Amino acid sequence: MSIQDEDRILRTWTPLILRTILIVATVVLIAGMVSMAAQSPGYYVSRFRAAQAGTAVHAHLDWSQLALDAIGGNPHAIMTLGLLVLTLVPLGRVAFTFFLFLKQHDRIFVIATAYVLTALVFGVLLGRIG
């Protein structure tokens, strides 16, 4: 495979994959909002009132429980899953950029994008955990 073919594939597939991720995230978020409106329209109002009263409103779920709840039709889990899918767009873009710089042997930009990619991944993981 020639360098031109590799560049063409990288420049063709990167936007296609990122747009697909964006469309999937949009569909999941809209499904979550429709489900929220249909099943429990007062969910966030009750959480707001509980927060105002000083009651704990944070519930931590692990990844597998979140997926099971989303498959089961829990609107909050569906929207959370949609937001997690949406975070794949910047992660994917930085990852593709990292591979492009790696292929071009541009050390400074490889180091910079590796740092940004690591920060994004840890941000997503720590944001979900904490």
C-alpha atoms as a PDB file:
ATOM      1  CA  MET A   1       0.000   0.000   0.000  1.00  0.00           C
ATOM      2  CA  SER A   2       1.424   3.364  -0.998  1.00  0.00           C
ATOM      3  CA  ILE A   3       1.685   6.452   1.170  1.00  0.00           C
ATOM      4  CA  GLN A   4      -0.966   8.164  -0.957  1.00  0.00           C
ATOM      5  CA  ASP A   5      -3.372   5.267  -0.369  1.00  0.00           C
ATOM      6  CA  GLU A   6      -2.734   5.418   3.372  1.00  0.00           C
ATOM      7  CA  ASP A   7      -3.340   9.181   3.425  1.00  0.00           C
ATOM      8  CA  ARG A   8      -6.510   8.814   1.365  1.00  0.00           C
ATOM      9  CA  ILE A   9      -7.837   6.102   3.663  1.00  0.00           C
ATOM     10  CA  LEU A  10      -6.974   8.129   6.763  1.00  0.00           C
ATOM     11  CA  ARG A  11      -8.552  11.297   5.374  1.00  0.00           C
ATOM     12  CA  THR A  12     -11.638   9.445   4.100  1.00  0.00           C
ATOM     13  CA  TRP A  13     -12.322   7.180   7.060  1.00  0.00           C
ATOM     14  CA  THR A  14     -11.631   9.670   9.843  1.00  0.00           C
ATOM     15  CA  PRO A  15     -14.555  11.995   9.008  1.00  0.00           C
ATOM     16  CA  LEU A  16     -16.824   9.044   8.224  1.00  0.00           C
ATOM     17  CA  ILE A  17     -16.166   7.353  11.564  1.00  0.00           C
ATOM     18  CA  LEU A  18     -16.481  10.612  13.524  1.00  0.00           C
ATOM     19  CA  ARG A  19     -19.765  11.524  11.804  1.00  0.00           C
ATOM     20  CA  THR A  20     -21.110   8.030  12.469  1.00  0.00           C
ATOM     21  CA  ILE A  21     -20.249   8.336  16.168  1.00  0.00           C
ATOM     22  CA  LEU A  22     -21.928  11.748  16.265  1.00  0.00           C
ATOM     23  CA  ILE A  23     -25.088  10.401  14.607  1.00  0.00           C
ATOM     24  CA  VAL A  24     -25.235   7.419  16.978  1.00  0.00           C
ATOM     25  CA  ALA A  25     -24.787   9.701  20.005  1.00  0.00           C
ATOM     26  CA  THR A  26     -27.517  12.036  18.735  1.00  0.00           C
ATOM     27  CA  VAL A  27     -29.949   9.163  18.204  1.00  0.00           C
ATOM     28  CA  VAL A  28     -29.238   7.730  21.669  1.00  0.00           C
ATOM     29  CA  LEU A  29     -29.620  11.154  23.343  1.00  0.00           C
ATOM     30  CA  ILE A  30     -32.901  11.855  21.538  1.00  0.00           C
ATOM     31  CA  ALA A  31     -34.172   8.391  22.486  1.00  0.00           C
ATOM     32  CA  GLY A  32     -33.261   9.133  26.103  1.00  0.00           C
ATOM     33  CA  MET A  33     -35.049  12.496  26.047  1.00  0.00           C
ATOM     34  CA  VAL A  34     -38.178  11.000  24.490  1.00  0.00           C
ATOM     35  CA  SER A  35     -38.082   8.176  27.018  1.00  0.00           C
ATOM     36  CA  MET A  36     -37.618  10.676  29.859  1.00  0.00           C
ATOM     37  CA  ALA A  37     -40.571  12.763  28.681  1.00  0.00           C
ATOM     38  CA  ALA A  38     -42.764   9.674  28.387  1.00  0.00           C
ATOM     39  CA  GLN A  39     -41.774   7.762  31.523  1.00  0.00           C
ATOM     40  CA  SER A  40     -40.707  10.229  34.176  1.00  0.00           C
ATOM     41  CA  PRO A  41     -41.074  13.891  33.250  1.00  0.00           C
ATOM     42  CA  GLY A  42     -40.535  15.053  36.844  1.00  0.00           C
ATOM     43  CA  TYR A  43     -37.232  13.204  37.372  1.00  0.00           C
ATOM     44  CA  TYR A  44     -34.971  16.251  37.283  1.00  0.00           C
ATOM     45  CA  VAL A  45     -37.434  18.389  39.230  1.00  0.00           C
ATOM     46  CA  SER A  46     -37.399  15.837  42.048  1.00  0.00           C
ATOM     47  CA  ARG A  47     -33.575  15.699  41.949  1.00  0.00           C
ATOM     48  CA  PHE A  48     -33.429  19.498  42.086  1.00  0.00           C
ATOM     49  CA  ARG A  49     -35.753  19.582  45.102  1.00  0.00           C
ATOM     50  CA  ALA A  50     -33.741  16.843  46.828  1.00  0.00           C
ATOM     51  CA  ALA A  51     -30.533  18.811  46.233  1.00  0.00           C
ATOM     52  CA  GLN A  52     -32.153  21.959  47.624  1.00  0.00           C
ATOM     53  CA  ALA A  53     -33.174  20.020  50.730  1.00  0.00           C
ATOM     54  CA  GLY A  54     -29.623  18.751  51.200  1.00  0.00           C
ATOM     55  CA  THR A  55     -30.437  15.134  50.395  1.00  0.00           C
ATOM     56  CA  ALA A  56     -27.788  13.118  48.568  1.00  0.00           C
ATOM     57  CA  VAL A  57     -28.708  12.761  44.903  1.00  0.00           C
ATOM     58  CA  HIS A  58     -25.582  11.078  43.531  1.00  0.00           C
ATOM     59  CA  ALA A  59     -25.828   7.434  42.621  1.00  0.00           C
ATOM     60  CA  HIS A  60     -22.718   5.758  41.231  1.00  0.00           C
ATOM     61  CA  LEU A  61     -23.215   2.919  38.792  1.00  0.00           C
ATOM     62  CA  ASP A  62     -20.557   0.786  37.192  1.00  0.00           C
ATOM     63  CA  TRP A  63     -20.330   0.531  33.395  1.00  0.00           C
ATOM     64  CA  SER A  64     -22.121  -2.822  33.160  1.00  0.00           C
ATOM     65  CA  GLN A  65     -25.012  -1.663  35.339  1.00  0.00           C
ATOM     66  CA  LEU A  66     -25.339   1.490  33.250  1.00  0.00           C
ATOM     67  CA  ALA A  67     -25.543  -0.588  30.062  1.00  0.00           C
ATOM     68  CA  LEU A  68     -28.091  -2.968  31.603  1.00  0.00           C
ATOM     69  CA  ASP A  69     -30.227  -0.055  32.806  1.00  0.00           C
ATOM     70  CA  ALA A  70     -30.074   1.563  29.360  1.00  0.00           C
ATOM     71  CA  ILE A  71     -31.100  -1.682  27.661  1.00  0.00           C
ATOM     72  CA  GLY A  72     -33.880  -1.983  30.230  1.00  0.00           C
ATOM     73  CA  GLY A  73     -35.232   1.417  29.180  1.00  0.00           C
ATOM     74  CA  ASN A  74     -34.073   3.629  32.053  1.00  0.00           C
ATOM     75  CA  PRO A  75     -34.164   7.135  30.518  1.00  0.00           C
ATOM     76  CA  HIS A  76     -31.377   8.521  32.700  1.00  0.00           C
ATOM     77  CA  ALA A  77     -29.105   5.598  31.798  1.00  0.00           C
ATOM     78  CA  ILE A  78     -29.920   6.012  28.086  1.00  0.00           C
ATOM     79  CA  MET A  79     -28.981   9.701  28.167  1.00  0.00           C
ATOM     80  CA  THR A  80     -25.810   8.992  30.159  1.00  0.00           C
ATOM     81  CA  LEU A  81     -24.848   6.357  27.616  1.00  0.00           C
ATOM     82  CA  GLY A  82     -25.513   8.873  24.825  1.00  0.00           C
ATOM     83  CA  LEU A  83     -23.201  11.371  26.504  1.00  0.00           C
ATOM     84  CA  LEU A  84     -20.518   8.722  26.871  1.00  0.00           C
ATOM     85  CA  VAL A  85     -20.827   7.908  23.158  1.00  0.00           C
ATOM     86  CA  LEU A  86     -20.608  11.636  22.421  1.00  0.00           C
ATOM     87  CA  THR A  87     -17.262  11.803  24.234  1.00  0.00           C
ATOM     88  CA  LEU A  88     -15.906   9.375  21.641  1.00  0.00           C
ATOM     89  CA  VAL A  89     -15.938  12.183  19.036  1.00  0.00           C
ATOM     90  CA  PRO A  90     -13.090  14.244  20.540  1.00  0.00           C
ATOM     91  CA  LEU A  91     -11.339  11.062  21.670  1.00  0.00           C
ATOM     92  CA  GLY A  92     -11.521   9.676  18.147  1.00  0.00           C
ATOM     93  CA  ARG A  93     -10.353  12.908  16.573  1.00  0.00           C
ATOM     94  CA  VAL A  94      -7.331  13.166  18.854  1.00  0.00           C
ATOM     95  CA  ALA A  95      -6.554   9.460  18.349  1.00  0.00           C
ATOM     96  CA  PHE A  96      -6.645   9.830  14.560  1.00  0.00           C
ATOM     97  CA  THR A  97      -4.461  12.925  14.811  1.00  0.00           C
ATOM     98  CA  PHE A  98      -2.041  11.006  17.029  1.00  0.00           C
ATOM     99  CA  PHE A  99      -1.727   8.245  14.424  1.00  0.00           C
ATOM    100  CA  LEU A 100      -1.301  10.784  11.637  1.00  0.00           C
ATOM    101  CA  PHE A 101       1.564  12.498  13.479  1.00  0.00           C
ATOM    102  CA  LEU A 102       3.041   9.128  14.395  1.00  0.00           C
ATOM    103  CA  LYS A 103       2.990   8.127  10.733  1.00  0.00           C
ATOM    104  CA  GLN A 104       4.671  11.397   9.779  1.00  0.00           C
ATOM    105  CA  HIS A 105       7.346  10.896  12.493  1.00  0.00           C
ATOM    106  CA  ASP A 106       6.636  14.327  13.984  1.00  0.00           C
ATOM    107  CA  ARG A 107       7.866  13.770  17.549  1.00  0.00           C
ATOM    108  CA  ILE A 108       6.736  17.059  19.090  1.00  0.00           C
ATOM    109  CA  PHE A 109       3.153  16.637  17.884  1.00  0.00           C
ATOM    110  CA  VAL A 110       3.140  12.928  18.780  1.00  0.00           C
ATOM    111  CA  ILE A 111       4.071  13.843  22.352  1.00  0.00           C
ATOM    112  CA  ALA A 112       1.516  16.662  22.485  1.00  0.00           C
ATOM    113  CA  THR A 113      -1.352  14.572  21.103  1.00  0.00           C
ATOM    114  CA  ALA A 114      -0.403  11.623  23.324  1.00  0.00           C
ATOM    115  CA  TYR A 115      -0.617  13.950  26.324  1.00  0.00           C
ATOM    116  CA  VAL A 116      -4.021  15.300  25.215  1.00  0.00           C
ATOM    117  CA  LEU A 117      -5.332  11.812  24.449  1.00  0.00           C
ATOM    118  CA  THR A 118      -4.191  10.536  27.842  1.00  0.00           C
ATOM    119  CA  ALA A 119      -5.821  13.505  29.579  1.00  0.00           C
ATOM    120  CA  LEU A 120      -9.103  12.933  27.706  1.00  0.00           C
ATOM    121  CA  VAL A 121      -9.170   9.231  28.527  1.00  0.00           C
ATOM    122  CA  PHE A 122      -8.412   9.824  32.206  1.00  0.00           C
ATOM    123  CA  GLY A 123     -10.947  12.660  32.292  1.00  0.00           C
ATOM    124  CA  VAL A 124     -13.674  10.371  30.994  1.00  0.00           C
ATOM    125  CA  LEU A 125     -12.732   7.550  33.342  1.00  0.00           C
ATOM    126  CA  LEU A 126     -12.359   9.746  36.424  1.00  0.00           C
ATOM    127  CA  GLY A 127     -15.506  11.694  35.593  1.00  0.00           C
ATOM    128  CA  ARG A 128     -17.462   8.461  35.449  1.00  0.00           C
ATOM    129  CA  ILE A 129     -15.861   7.028  38.571  1.00  0.00           C
ATOM    130  CA  GLY A 130     -15.842  10.109  40.772  1.00  0.00           C
END
